[in-house]
Amino acid sequence: MCDKKHRWFATFDNIKHLNSWCPFCPKYKREKLCHEILTKYLGPPSLIRKPNFPECSTGLELNIYYPEYGFAIEVQAVQHEKYIKFFHNGDPNNFIKQQARDQLKKELCEKNQIALRYVWYYEDPYIDIPEHLRELSLINKLKTLISFVRFTFIFLT
């Protein structure tokens, strides 16, 4: 159980060696920001972060998942795009494995009718997330403007 009282199953080995922890708490500031922006538009995402992909028995985690809308966001940092010694533990093969996992995740989402969208480290989530939601007809332009003004007002006060 984490500090926020979320319960999940993890082996000791995964926690110790894979640095795995609570799958419900955003681990990184950027993911947390994207989570907050999406929550303003759609409400909180599902606590389920690993969709049931029969083709992948180990499961693949989606950063932010809305099964009721058939939609997920992956927050992509630089290590998803190029080899970074620190993130890939000094092994270029880990980068290749990461790219293979990312590709598998994309293919499984397509096959299971989950619209997978990305927010890259060089993009502005305040702009890109509403654009993704509009593309999927989950929000309209007026709702986007109202939410943005409200969020900005709350943020500035």
Protein backbone atom coordinates (compact mmCIF):
# COMPACT_ATOMS: atom_id res chain seq x y z
CA MET A 1 0.00 0.00 0.00
CA CYS A 2 1.33 3.45 -0.89
CA ASP A 3 1.06 6.68 1.12
CA LYS A 4 -2.23 7.48 -0.64
CA LYS A 5 -3.71 4.12 0.46
CA HIS A 6 -3.79 2.58 -3.04
CA ARG A 7 -3.64 -1.22 -3.03
CA TRP A 8 -2.07 -3.31 -5.78
CA PHE A 9 -0.12 -6.51 -6.26
CA ALA A 10 3.63 -6.43 -6.81
CA THR A 11 6.29 -8.98 -6.07
CA PHE A 12 9.18 -8.03 -3.84
CA ASP A 13 11.50 -8.72 -6.79
CA ASN A 14 9.65 -6.17 -8.97
CA ILE A 15 9.80 -3.53 -6.26
CA LYS A 16 13.46 -4.12 -5.46
CA HIS A 17 14.95 -4.80 -8.91
CA LEU A 18 12.56 -3.13 -11.35
CA ASN A 19 11.91 -0.07 -9.18
CA SER A 20 8.18 -0.74 -9.47
CA TRP A 21 5.84 1.05 -7.12
CA CYS A 22 2.21 2.20 -6.96
CA PRO A 23 0.71 2.02 -10.47
CA PHE A 24 -2.01 4.53 -9.57
CA CYS A 25 0.17 7.43 -8.43
CA PRO A 26 1.81 9.45 -11.17
CA LYS A 27 5.55 9.00 -10.72
CA TYR A 28 6.72 12.04 -12.54
CA LYS A 29 5.79 15.71 -12.55
CA ARG A 30 4.95 15.78 -16.25
CA GLU A 31 2.72 12.72 -16.00
CA LYS A 32 1.04 14.28 -12.95
CA LEU A 33 0.43 17.51 -14.88
CA CYS A 34 -1.12 15.59 -17.79
CA HIS A 35 -3.22 13.62 -15.30
CA GLU A 36 -4.51 16.89 -13.77
CA ILE A 37 -5.31 18.44 -17.16
CA LEU A 38 -7.21 15.35 -18.33
CA THR A 39 -9.10 15.14 -15.04
CA LYS A 40 -10.36 18.71 -15.59
CA TYR A 41 -11.91 17.62 -18.89
CA LEU A 42 -12.97 14.00 -18.36
CA GLY A 43 -12.90 13.37 -14.63
CA PRO A 44 -10.41 10.98 -13.02
CA PRO A 45 -8.96 8.20 -15.17
CA SER A 46 -9.42 4.53 -14.46
CA LEU A 47 -7.43 2.91 -11.69
CA ILE A 48 -6.79 0.14 -14.22
CA ARG A 49 -3.51 0.92 -15.93
CA LYS A 50 -2.95 -2.47 -17.55
CA PRO A 51 -5.71 -3.29 -20.03
CA ASN A 52 -6.44 -6.96 -20.49
CA PHE A 53 -4.48 -7.68 -23.66
CA PRO A 54 -4.76 -11.47 -24.20
CA GLU A 55 -1.81 -11.28 -26.60
CA CYS A 56 0.45 -9.98 -23.81
CA SER A 57 0.18 -12.06 -20.64
CA THR A 58 2.55 -9.83 -18.66
CA GLY A 59 0.47 -6.75 -19.46
CA LEU A 60 1.58 -3.36 -20.65
CA GLU A 61 0.88 -0.30 -18.54
CA LEU A 62 -0.74 2.82 -19.99
CA ASN A 63 0.14 6.08 -18.21
CA ILE A 64 -3.40 7.51 -18.23
CA TYR A 65 -6.29 5.29 -19.31
CA TYR A 66 -10.00 5.96 -19.85
CA PRO A 67 -11.55 2.59 -20.85
CA GLU A 68 -15.06 4.12 -20.93
CA TYR A 69 -13.89 6.37 -23.79
CA GLY A 70 -11.53 3.85 -25.37
CA PHE A 71 -8.73 6.36 -24.91
CA ALA A 72 -5.27 6.48 -23.32
CA ILE A 73 -2.39 8.95 -23.06
CA GLU A 74 1.26 8.00 -22.92
CA VAL A 75 3.56 10.70 -21.53
CA GLN A 76 6.78 10.20 -23.47
CA ALA A 77 10.13 11.43 -22.18
CA VAL A 78 13.32 11.67 -24.20
CA GLN A 79 14.34 8.05 -23.47
CA HIS A 80 11.47 6.85 -25.68
CA GLU A 81 13.03 8.62 -28.63
CA LYS A 82 16.77 8.13 -28.23
CA TYR A 83 19.33 6.21 -26.21
CA ILE A 84 20.09 7.86 -22.87
CA LYS A 85 22.79 6.08 -20.88
CA PHE A 86 21.22 6.86 -17.48
CA PHE A 87 17.68 5.72 -18.35
CA HIS A 88 18.81 2.62 -20.22
CA ASN A 89 21.29 1.50 -17.54
CA GLY A 90 24.24 1.94 -19.89
CA ASP A 91 22.95 -0.73 -22.30
CA PRO A 92 21.81 0.31 -25.81
CA ASN A 93 19.86 -2.97 -26.00
CA ASN A 94 17.55 -1.61 -23.29
CA PHE A 95 16.66 1.26 -25.62
CA ILE A 96 15.86 -1.23 -28.40
CA LYS A 97 13.71 -3.22 -25.96
CA GLN A 98 11.92 -0.04 -24.90
CA GLN A 99 11.14 0.84 -28.51
CA ALA A 100 9.83 -2.70 -29.07
CA ARG A 101 7.56 -2.39 -25.99
CA ASP A 102 6.32 1.00 -27.19
CA GLN A 103 5.54 -0.45 -30.63
CA LEU A 104 3.78 -3.47 -29.12
CA LYS A 105 1.73 -1.17 -26.89
CA LYS A 106 0.72 0.89 -29.93
CA GLU A 107 -0.27 -2.21 -31.93
CA LEU A 108 -2.23 -3.76 -29.04
CA CYS A 109 -4.11 -0.51 -28.46
CA GLU A 110 -5.03 -0.34 -32.15
CA LYS A 111 -6.13 -3.99 -32.17
CA ASN A 112 -8.23 -3.48 -29.03
CA GLN A 113 -9.75 -0.18 -30.20
CA ILE A 114 -8.01 2.02 -27.68
CA ALA A 115 -7.14 5.41 -29.14
CA LEU A 116 -3.57 5.88 -27.93
CA ARG A 117 -2.24 9.42 -27.99
CA TYR A 118 1.13 10.77 -26.91
CA VAL A 119 2.32 13.87 -25.08
CA TRP A 120 6.02 14.21 -25.84
CA TYR A 121 8.56 15.93 -23.61
CA TYR A 122 8.90 18.81 -26.10
CA GLU A 123 5.14 19.42 -26.40
CA ASP A 124 2.87 21.64 -24.32
CA PRO A 125 0.27 19.43 -22.60
CA TYR A 126 -2.04 22.43 -22.10
CA ILE A 127 -2.32 22.61 -25.89
CA ASP A 128 -1.85 19.00 -26.99
CA ILE A 129 -4.24 17.28 -24.60
CA PRO A 130 -7.27 19.38 -25.60
CA GLU A 131 -6.32 18.85 -29.26
CA HIS A 132 -6.27 15.08 -28.76
CA LEU A 133 -9.63 15.23 -26.98
CA ARG A 134 -11.16 17.33 -29.78
CA GLU A 135 -9.79 14.93 -32.44
CA LEU A 136 -11.58 12.11 -30.65
CA SER A 137 -14.76 14.21 -30.23
CA LEU A 138 -14.50 13.93 -26.45
CA ILE A 139 -14.75 17.69 -26.03
CA ASN A 140 -15.74 20.62 -28.20
CA LYS A 141 -14.00 23.96 -28.69
CA LEU A 142 -16.29 25.90 -26.32
CA LYS A 143 -15.73 23.42 -23.48
CA THR A 144 -11.99 23.63 -24.16
CA LEU A 145 -11.98 27.42 -23.88
CA ILE A 146 -14.09 27.44 -20.71
CA SER A 147 -11.93 24.78 -19.03
CA PHE A 148 -8.70 26.52 -20.02
CA VAL A 149 -9.88 29.88 -18.65
CA ARG A 150 -11.13 28.24 -15.45
CA PHE A 151 -7.90 26.23 -14.99
CA THR A 152 -5.73 29.30 -15.67
CA PHE A 153 -7.76 31.38 -13.21
CA ILE A 154 -7.47 28.73 -10.48
CA PHE A 155 -3.77 28.24 -11.20
CA LEU A 156 -3.04 31.99 -10.99
CA THR A 157 -5.03 32.63 -7.81
